[in-house]
Amino acid sequence: MGTLSLKNFPDDLHEQAKSRAALEGITLEELVEQAVSGYLASPITLDVEEVIVKKKDSEEE
């Protein structure tokens, strides 16, 4: 299993996540894993025109 360290993570979000994990009786690690898994499992919708514009913009930089 990989390791993930976050720099500059907002203190308020960290405290909220710790509190939520405690309320749910799980570790902070488990809470974050569940949140990321849920996010990645949700369908992604892409606006093709928006993707093209972003690609062009990044190529110009």
PDB file of N, CA and C in Angstrom:
ATOM      1  N   MET A   1       0.846  -1.173   0.000  1.00  0.00           N
ATOM      2  CA  MET A   1       0.000   0.000   0.000  1.00  0.00           C
ATOM      3  C   MET A   1       0.891   1.235   0.000  1.00  0.00           C
ATOM      4  N   GLY A   2       0.502   2.231  -0.754  1.00  0.00           N
ATOM      5  CA  GLY A   2       1.294   3.446  -0.879  1.00  0.00           C
ATOM      6  C   GLY A   2       1.135   4.377   0.313  1.00  0.00           C
ATOM      7  N   THR A   3       1.974   5.385   0.333  1.00  0.00           N
ATOM      8  CA  THR A   3       1.945   6.397   1.380  1.00  0.00           C
ATOM      9  C   THR A   3       1.598   7.735   0.753  1.00  0.00           C
ATOM     10  N   LEU A   4       0.763   8.498   1.426  1.00  0.00           N
ATOM     11  CA  LEU A   4       0.357   9.803   0.931  1.00  0.00           C
ATOM     12  C   LEU A   4       0.541  10.821   2.042  1.00  0.00           C
ATOM     13  N   SER A   5       1.300  11.868   1.769  1.00  0.00           N
ATOM     14  CA  SER A   5       1.469  12.966   2.716  1.00  0.00           C
ATOM     15  C   SER A   5       0.969  14.229   2.042  1.00  0.00           C
ATOM     16  N   LEU A   6       0.233  15.022   2.780  1.00  0.00           N
ATOM     17  CA  LEU A   6      -0.301  16.265   2.224  1.00  0.00           C
ATOM     18  C   LEU A   6       0.375  17.450   2.884  1.00  0.00           C
ATOM     19  N   LYS A   7       0.855  18.361   2.066  1.00  0.00           N
ATOM     20  CA  LYS A   7       1.435  19.596   2.574  1.00  0.00           C
ATOM     21  C   LYS A   7       0.413  20.706   2.382  1.00  0.00           C
ATOM     22  N   ASN A   8       0.456  21.678   3.251  1.00  0.00           N
ATOM     23  CA  ASN A   8      -0.405  22.857   3.163  1.00  0.00           C
ATOM     24  C   ASN A   8      -1.883  22.503   3.168  1.00  0.00           C
ATOM     25  N   PHE A   9      -2.257  21.439   3.892  1.00  0.00           N
ATOM     26  CA  PHE A   9      -3.661  21.059   4.023  1.00  0.00           C
ATOM     27  C   PHE A   9      -4.291  21.993   5.046  1.00  0.00           C
ATOM     28  N   PRO A  10      -5.407  22.603   4.724  1.00  0.00           N
ATOM     29  CA  PRO A  10      -6.006  23.585   5.636  1.00  0.00           C
ATOM     30  C   PRO A  10      -6.305  22.992   7.021  1.00  0.00           C
ATOM     31  N   ASP A  11      -5.911  23.724   8.053  1.00  0.00           N
ATOM     32  CA  ASP A  11      -6.106  23.269   9.430  1.00  0.00           C
ATOM     33  C   ASP A  11      -7.574  22.988   9.737  1.00  0.00           C
ATOM     34  N   ASP A  12      -8.469  23.853   9.236  1.00  0.00           N
ATOM     35  CA  ASP A  12      -9.883  23.660   9.546  1.00  0.00           C
ATOM     36  C   ASP A  12     -10.420  22.366   8.940  1.00  0.00           C
ATOM     37  N   LEU A  13      -9.992  22.023   7.727  1.00  0.00           N
ATOM     38  CA  LEU A  13     -10.423  20.767   7.122  1.00  0.00           C
ATOM     39  C   LEU A  13      -9.855  19.566   7.869  1.00  0.00           C
ATOM     40  N   HIS A  14      -8.624  19.697   8.324  1.00  0.00           N
ATOM     41  CA  HIS A  14      -7.999  18.625   9.093  1.00  0.00           C
ATOM     42  C   HIS A  14      -8.779  18.371  10.381  1.00  0.00           C
ATOM     43  N   GLU A  15      -9.135  19.428  11.082  1.00  0.00           N
ATOM     44  CA  GLU A  15      -9.885  19.295  12.331  1.00  0.00           C
ATOM     45  C   GLU A  15     -11.282  18.729  12.077  1.00  0.00           C
ATOM     46  N   GLN A  16     -11.932  19.187  11.008  1.00  0.00           N
ATOM     47  CA  GLN A  16     -13.262  18.665  10.665  1.00  0.00           C
ATOM     48  C   GLN A  16     -13.188  17.180  10.338  1.00  0.00           C
ATOM     49  N   ALA A  17     -12.182  16.789   9.593  1.00  0.00           N
ATOM     50  CA  ALA A  17     -12.024  15.386   9.208  1.00  0.00           C
ATOM     51  C   ALA A  17     -11.737  14.520  10.439  1.00  0.00           C
ATOM     52  N   LYS A  18     -10.881  15.001  11.336  1.00  0.00           N
ATOM     53  CA  LYS A  18     -10.585  14.256  12.559  1.00  0.00           C
ATOM     54  C   LYS A  18     -11.848  14.083  13.396  1.00  0.00           C
ATOM     55  N   SER A  19     -12.638  15.151  13.504  1.00  0.00           N
ATOM     56  CA  SER A  19     -13.876  15.084  14.277  1.00  0.00           C
ATOM     57  C   SER A  19     -14.866  14.115  13.654  1.00  0.00           C
ATOM     58  N   ARG A  20     -15.006  14.177  12.339  1.00  0.00           N
ATOM     59  CA  ARG A  20     -15.939  13.283  11.645  1.00  0.00           C
ATOM     60  C   ARG A  20     -15.508  11.837  11.814  1.00  0.00           C
ATOM     61  N   ALA A  21     -14.226  11.575  11.671  1.00  0.00           N
ATOM     62  CA  ALA A  21     -13.715  10.213  11.841  1.00  0.00           C
ATOM     63  C   ALA A  21     -14.010   9.710  13.251  1.00  0.00           C
ATOM     64  N   ALA A  22     -13.794  10.554  14.237  1.00  0.00           N
ATOM     65  CA  ALA A  22     -14.059  10.161  15.623  1.00  0.00           C
ATOM     66  C   ALA A  22     -15.541   9.860  15.826  1.00  0.00           C
ATOM     67  N   LEU A  23     -16.405  10.706  15.271  1.00  0.00           N
ATOM     68  CA  LEU A  23     -17.847  10.477  15.396  1.00  0.00           C
ATOM     69  C   LEU A  23     -18.271   9.171  14.746  1.00  0.00           C
ATOM     70  N   GLU A  24     -17.623   8.821  13.649  1.00  0.00           N
ATOM     71  CA  GLU A  24     -17.966   7.598  12.925  1.00  0.00           C
ATOM     72  C   GLU A  24     -17.232   6.374  13.472  1.00  0.00           C
ATOM     73  N   GLY A  25     -16.327   6.604  14.415  1.00  0.00           N
ATOM     74  CA  GLY A  25     -15.594   5.496  15.016  1.00  0.00           C
ATOM     75  C   GLY A  25     -14.579   4.853  14.092  1.00  0.00           C
ATOM     76  N   ILE A  26     -14.018   5.687  13.205  1.00  0.00           N
ATOM     77  CA  ILE A  26     -12.997   5.209  12.273  1.00  0.00           C
ATOM     78  C   ILE A  26     -11.767   6.099  12.376  1.00  0.00           C
ATOM     79  N   THR A  27     -10.693   5.663  11.762  1.00  0.00           N
ATOM     80  CA  THR A  27      -9.470   6.470  11.773  1.00  0.00           C
ATOM     81  C   THR A  27      -9.559   7.550  10.702  1.00  0.00           C
ATOM     82  N   LEU A  28      -8.723   8.551  10.850  1.00  0.00           N
ATOM     83  CA  LEU A  28      -8.637   9.603   9.840  1.00  0.00           C
ATOM     84  C   LEU A  28      -8.237   8.993   8.505  1.00  0.00           C
ATOM     85  N   GLU A  29      -7.324   8.044   8.548  1.00  0.00           N
ATOM     86  CA  GLU A  29      -6.891   7.356   7.325  1.00  0.00           C
ATOM     87  C   GLU A  29      -8.077   6.694   6.619  1.00  0.00           C
ATOM     88  N   GLU A  30      -8.920   6.015   7.389  1.00  0.00           N
ATOM     89  CA  GLU A  30     -10.094   5.351   6.801  1.00  0.00           C
ATOM     90  C   GLU A  30     -11.066   6.363   6.214  1.00  0.00           C
ATOM     91  N   LEU A  31     -11.254   7.481   6.905  1.00  0.00           N
ATOM     92  CA  LEU A  31     -12.152   8.525   6.418  1.00  0.00           C
ATOM     93  C   LEU A  31     -11.670   9.072   5.080  1.00  0.00           C
ATOM     94  N   VAL A  32     -10.382   9.372   4.996  1.00  0.00           N
ATOM     95  CA  VAL A  32      -9.822   9.918   3.754  1.00  0.00           C
ATOM     96  C   VAL A  32      -9.917   8.888   2.634  1.00  0.00           C
ATOM     97  N   GLU A  33      -9.619   7.634   2.948  1.00  0.00           N
ATOM     98  CA  GLU A  33      -9.716   6.578   1.936  1.00  0.00           C
ATOM     99  C   GLU A  33     -11.145   6.458   1.410  1.00  0.00           C
ATOM    100  N   GLN A  34     -12.123   6.507   2.306  1.00  0.00           N
ATOM    101  CA  GLN A  34     -13.521   6.435   1.889  1.00  0.00           C
ATOM    102  C   GLN A  34     -13.909   7.634   1.020  1.00  0.00           C
ATOM    103  N   ALA A  35     -13.441   8.807   1.414  1.00  0.00           N
ATOM    104  CA  ALA A  35     -13.772  10.018   0.664  1.00  0.00           C
ATOM    105  C   ALA A  35     -13.183   9.976  -0.744  1.00  0.00           C
ATOM    106  N   VAL A  36     -11.930   9.574  -0.860  1.00  0.00           N
ATOM    107  CA  VAL A  36     -11.284   9.510  -2.176  1.00  0.00           C
ATOM    108  C   VAL A  36     -11.926   8.411  -3.021  1.00  0.00           C
ATOM    109  N   SER A  37     -12.210   7.267  -2.417  1.00  0.00           N
ATOM    110  CA  SER A  37     -12.854   6.173  -3.152  1.00  0.00           C
ATOM    111  C   SER A  37     -14.214   6.603  -3.682  1.00  0.00           C
ATOM    112  N   GLY A  38     -14.983   7.281  -2.842  1.00  0.00           N
ATOM    113  CA  GLY A  38     -16.295   7.774  -3.269  1.00  0.00           C
ATOM    114  C   GLY A  38     -16.190   8.775  -4.403  1.00  0.00           C
ATOM    115  N   TYR A  39     -15.226   9.672  -4.293  1.00  0.00           N
ATOM    116  CA  TYR A  39     -15.020  10.681  -5.340  1.00  0.00           C
ATOM    117  C   TYR A  39     -14.650  10.018  -6.662  1.00  0.00           C
ATOM    118  N   LEU A  40     -13.729   9.073  -6.609  1.00  0.00           N
ATOM    119  CA  LEU A  40     -13.266   8.420  -7.833  1.00  0.00           C
ATOM    120  C   LEU A  40     -14.313   7.480  -8.426  1.00  0.00           C
ATOM    121  N   ALA A  41     -15.228   6.988  -7.605  1.00  0.00           N
ATOM    122  CA  ALA A  41     -16.272   6.091  -8.096  1.00  0.00           C
ATOM    123  C   ALA A  41     -17.407   6.843  -8.784  1.00  0.00           C
ATOM    124  N   SER A  42     -17.501   8.132  -8.541  1.00  0.00           N
ATOM    125  CA  SER A  42     -18.588   8.905  -9.144  1.00  0.00           C
ATOM    126  C   SER A  42     -18.294   9.153 -10.623  1.00  0.00           C
ATOM    127  N   PRO A  43     -19.352   9.180 -11.432  1.00  0.00           N
ATOM    128  CA  PRO A  43     -19.134   9.372 -12.864  1.00  0.00           C
ATOM    129  C   PRO A  43     -18.550  10.752 -13.162  1.00  0.00           C
ATOM    130  N   ILE A  44     -17.746  10.790 -14.170  1.00  0.00           N
ATOM    131  CA  ILE A  44     -17.139  12.053 -14.580  1.00  0.00           C
ATOM    132  C   ILE A  44     -17.839  12.528 -15.859  1.00  0.00           C
ATOM    133  N   THR A  45     -18.156  13.791 -15.888  1.00  0.00           N
ATOM    134  CA  THR A  45     -18.764  14.358 -17.082  1.00  0.00           C
ATOM    135  C   THR A  45     -17.799  15.387 -17.648  1.00  0.00           C
ATOM    136  N   LEU A  46     -17.555  15.259 -18.914  1.00  0.00           N
ATOM    137  CA  LEU A  46     -16.621  16.165 -19.567  1.00  0.00           C
ATOM    138  C   LEU A  46     -17.332  16.967 -20.640  1.00  0.00           C
ATOM    139  N   ASP A  47     -17.054  18.238 -20.654  1.00  0.00           N
ATOM    140  CA  ASP A  47     -17.496  19.103 -21.728  1.00  0.00           C
ATOM    141  C   ASP A  47     -16.338  19.127 -22.721  1.00  0.00           C
ATOM    142  N   VAL A  48     -16.529  18.477 -23.864  1.00  0.00           N
ATOM    143  CA  VAL A  48     -15.449  18.302 -24.824  1.00  0.00           C
ATOM    144  C   VAL A  48     -14.855  19.644 -25.241  1.00  0.00           C
ATOM    145  N   GLU A  49     -15.680  20.626 -25.468  1.00  0.00           N
ATOM    146  CA  GLU A  49     -15.175  21.940 -25.870  1.00  0.00           C
ATOM    147  C   GLU A  49     -14.301  22.544 -24.773  1.00  0.00           C
ATOM    148  N   GLU A  50     -14.720  22.389 -23.534  1.00  0.00           N
ATOM    149  CA  GLU A  50     -13.944  22.922 -22.415  1.00  0.00           C
ATOM    150  C   GLU A  50     -12.589  22.229 -22.314  1.00  0.00           C
ATOM    151  N   VAL A  51     -12.559  20.921 -22.532  1.00  0.00           N
ATOM    152  CA  VAL A  51     -11.307  20.165 -22.490  1.00  0.00           C
ATOM    153  C   VAL A  51     -10.365  20.650 -23.586  1.00  0.00           C
ATOM    154  N   ILE A  52     -10.897  20.880 -24.767  1.00  0.00           N
ATOM    155  CA  ILE A  52     -10.082  21.352 -25.896  1.00  0.00           C
ATOM    156  C   ILE A  52      -9.503  22.724 -25.583  1.00  0.00           C
ATOM    157  N   VAL A  53     -10.312  23.620 -25.044  1.00  0.00           N
ATOM    158  CA  VAL A  53      -9.843  24.969 -24.718  1.00  0.00           C
ATOM    159  C   VAL A  53      -8.747  24.894 -23.658  1.00  0.00           C
ATOM    160  N   LYS A  54      -8.929  24.083 -22.624  1.00  0.00           N
ATOM    161  CA  LYS A  54      -7.911  23.955 -21.579  1.00  0.00           C
ATOM    162  C   LYS A  54      -6.614  23.398 -22.144  1.00  0.00           C
ATOM    163  N   LYS A  55      -6.726  22.425 -23.054  1.00  0.00           N
ATOM    164  CA  LYS A  55      -5.532  21.845 -23.660  1.00  0.00           C
ATOM    165  C   LYS A  55      -4.792  22.898 -24.477  1.00  0.00           C
ATOM    166  N   LYS A  56      -5.522  23.667 -25.277  1.00  0.00           N
ATOM    167  CA  LYS A  56      -4.906  24.718 -26.079  1.00  0.00           C
ATOM    168  C   LYS A  56      -4.233  25.750 -25.192  1.00  0.00           C
ATOM    169  N   ASP A  57      -4.910  26.137 -24.097  1.00  0.00           N
ATOM    170  CA  ASP A  57      -4.350  27.111 -23.174  1.00  0.00           C
ATOM    171  C   ASP A  57      -3.054  26.619 -22.540  1.00  0.00           C
ATOM    172  N   SER A  58      -3.021  25.337 -22.165  1.00  0.00           N
ATOM    173  CA  SER A  58      -1.822  24.800 -21.523  1.00  0.00           C
ATOM    174  C   SER A  58      -0.676  24.671 -22.531  1.00  0.00           C
ATOM    175  N   GLU A  59      -0.985  24.437 -23.787  1.00  0.00           N
ATOM    176  CA  GLU A  59       0.059  24.327 -24.808  1.00  0.00           C
ATOM    177  C   GLU A  59       0.664  25.677 -25.126  1.00  0.00           C
ATOM    178  N   GLU A  60      -0.111  26.745 -24.961  1.00  0.00           N
ATOM    179  CA  GLU A  60       0.368  28.096 -25.255  1.00  0.00           C
ATOM    180  C   GLU A  60       1.303  28.617 -24.182  1.00  0.00           C
ATOM    181  N   GLU A  61       1.239  28.044 -22.983  1.00  0.00           N
ATOM    182  CA  GLU A  61       2.059  28.553 -21.865  1.00  0.00           C
ATOM    183  C   GLU A  61       3.467  28.142 -21.972  1.00  0.00           C
TER     184      GLU A  61
END
